[in-house]
């Protein structure tokens, strides 16, 4: 009977020590960001200024609006946003030249502008 009682005390002590060890090793991991959620991404939109369409970007909450300066060819204007790359580094823009629409691509700051699709028809590009 003494051996059974002694074994039970030893097993109980071992179980308690394992529980304490397990609790002391538990760590919590929390994702942290230096920016609020509303400022982590951007929206892209067309803004008409002095009868000229311009490409703009803003934070999700509408703050921090900035024009994307595009050096478009003479006689052309922004007609719409066709697509934005998943990494939000490249914008695809529809550009009208009066008789047709073309698709241009550029970095989100407006640099590296280049035509990637020429449309010989009349306004047939869909967005």
Protein backbone atom coordinates (compact mmCIF):
# COMPACT_ATOMS: atom_id res chain seq x y z
CA UNK A 1 0.00 0.00 0.00
CA UNK A 2 2.90 2.37 0.79
CA UNK A 3 4.42 1.68 -2.65
CA UNK A 4 1.09 2.49 -4.37
CA UNK A 5 0.73 5.75 -2.42
CA UNK A 6 4.37 6.71 -3.08
CA UNK A 7 3.95 5.96 -6.84
CA UNK A 8 0.81 8.09 -6.96
CA UNK A 9 2.58 11.03 -5.30
CA UNK A 10 5.51 10.72 -7.71
CA UNK A 11 3.21 10.56 -10.76
CA UNK A 12 1.19 13.54 -9.51
CA UNK A 13 4.39 15.55 -8.95
CA UNK A 14 5.62 14.63 -12.43
CA UNK A 15 2.27 15.64 -14.02
CA UNK A 16 2.24 18.98 -12.18
CA UNK A 17 5.85 19.70 -13.22
CA UNK A 18 4.97 18.94 -16.88
CA UNK A 19 1.97 21.27 -16.68
CA UNK A 20 4.07 24.09 -15.22
CA UNK A 21 6.76 23.55 -17.86
CA UNK A 22 4.16 23.58 -20.66
CA UNK A 23 2.57 26.79 -19.40
CA UNK A 24 5.92 28.55 -19.06
CA UNK A 25 6.85 27.73 -22.68
CA UNK A 26 3.60 28.99 -24.21
CA UNK A 27 4.15 32.13 -26.29
CA UNK A 28 1.69 34.30 -28.14
CA UNK A 29 2.42 35.60 -31.61
CA UNK A 30 0.57 38.67 -32.80
CA UNK A 31 0.92 40.31 -36.18
CA UNK A 32 1.81 43.94 -35.89
CA UNK A 33 1.84 46.66 -38.48
CA UNK A 34 3.33 50.11 -38.31
CA UNK A 35 0.37 51.51 -40.28
CA UNK A 36 -3.38 51.41 -39.62
CA UNK A 37 -5.30 49.00 -41.85
CA UNK A 38 -6.82 51.84 -43.85
CA UNK A 39 -3.38 53.04 -44.94
CA UNK A 40 -1.85 49.70 -45.97
CA UNK A 41 -3.46 49.68 -49.42
CA UNK A 42 -4.40 52.15 -52.09
CA UNK A 43 -7.32 52.85 -54.35
CA UNK A 44 -6.94 54.18 -57.87
CA UNK A 45 -9.47 56.50 -59.48
CA UNK A 46 -10.00 58.94 -62.33
CA UNK A 47 -10.49 62.58 -61.39
CA UNK A 48 -11.63 65.21 -63.87
CA UNK A 49 -9.68 68.45 -63.41
CA UNK A 50 -10.27 71.33 -65.85
CA UNK A 51 -12.04 68.95 -68.27
CA UNK A 52 -9.02 66.65 -68.26
CA UNK A 53 -9.12 63.14 -66.77
CA UNK A 54 -6.25 62.41 -64.42
CA UNK A 55 -5.19 59.22 -62.67
CA UNK A 56 -5.11 59.53 -58.87
CA UNK A 57 -4.38 57.30 -55.89
CA UNK A 58 -5.55 57.51 -52.27
CA UNK A 59 -5.60 55.51 -49.07
CA UNK A 60 -8.63 53.27 -48.51
CA UNK A 61 -10.20 55.92 -46.28
CA UNK A 62 -9.86 58.60 -49.02
CA UNK A 63 -6.98 60.44 -47.40
CA UNK A 64 -3.54 61.04 -48.90
CA UNK A 65 -4.83 61.74 -52.43
CA UNK A 66 -2.02 62.08 -54.95
CA UNK A 67 -2.03 62.52 -58.69
CA UNK A 68 -0.09 59.97 -60.72
CA UNK A 69 1.74 62.14 -63.23
CA UNK A 70 1.58 60.51 -66.65
CA UNK A 71 3.56 61.88 -69.57
CA UNK A 72 0.95 60.95 -72.20
CA UNK A 73 1.50 61.62 -75.89
CA UNK A 74 0.05 64.88 -77.25
CA UNK A 75 -3.63 64.61 -78.15
CA UNK A 76 -4.36 61.75 -75.74
CA UNK A 77 -6.13 61.60 -72.39
CA UNK A 78 -6.83 59.10 -69.65
CA UNK A 79 -10.06 57.27 -70.44
CA UNK A 80 -10.20 54.78 -67.57
CA UNK A 81 -8.37 52.33 -65.35
CA UNK A 82 -8.27 48.93 -66.96
CA UNK A 83 -6.51 47.00 -64.23
CA UNK A 84 -4.08 47.16 -61.35
CA UNK A 85 -1.51 44.43 -60.80
CA UNK A 86 -2.00 42.23 -57.71
CA UNK A 87 1.18 43.63 -56.13
CA UNK A 88 -0.18 47.17 -56.73
CA UNK A 89 3.05 48.25 -58.42
CA UNK A 90 1.73 48.48 -62.00
CA UNK A 91 -1.34 50.26 -63.37
CA UNK A 92 -2.91 49.54 -66.74
CA UNK A 93 -4.64 52.62 -68.14
CA UNK A 94 -6.97 53.12 -71.10
CA UNK A 95 -5.87 56.17 -73.09
CA UNK A 96 -8.10 57.82 -75.70
CA UNK A 97 -6.70 59.66 -78.69
CA UNK A 98 -9.98 60.72 -80.32
CA UNK A 99 -10.41 57.85 -82.77
CA UNK A 100 -9.42 54.86 -80.62
CA UNK A 101 -8.42 53.68 -77.17
CA UNK A 102 -5.04 52.20 -76.35
CA UNK A 103 -3.84 50.42 -73.23
CA UNK A 104 -0.76 51.79 -71.49
CA UNK A 105 1.09 50.43 -68.48
CA UNK A 106 3.13 52.33 -65.92
CA UNK A 107 4.45 52.11 -62.39
CA UNK A 108 2.10 53.52 -59.75
CA UNK A 109 4.18 56.69 -59.61
CA UNK A 110 3.60 57.26 -63.37
CA UNK A 111 7.12 56.31 -64.44
CA UNK A 112 7.95 53.76 -67.12
CA UNK A 113 4.87 54.59 -69.23
CA UNK A 114 4.55 52.47 -72.35
CA UNK A 115 1.84 51.44 -74.78
CA UNK A 116 1.11 47.71 -74.66
CA UNK A 117 -2.07 47.40 -76.77
CA UNK A 118 -3.13 49.48 -79.78
CA UNK A 119 -6.79 49.51 -80.70
CA UNK A 120 -7.45 50.29 -84.33
CA UNK A 121 -11.21 50.24 -83.85
CA UNK A 122 -13.36 52.85 -82.22
CA UNK A 123 -13.73 52.70 -78.43
CA UNK A 124 -14.06 48.93 -78.18
CA UNK A 125 -11.86 48.33 -75.14
CA UNK A 126 -13.82 47.16 -72.11
CA UNK A 127 -12.72 47.71 -68.52
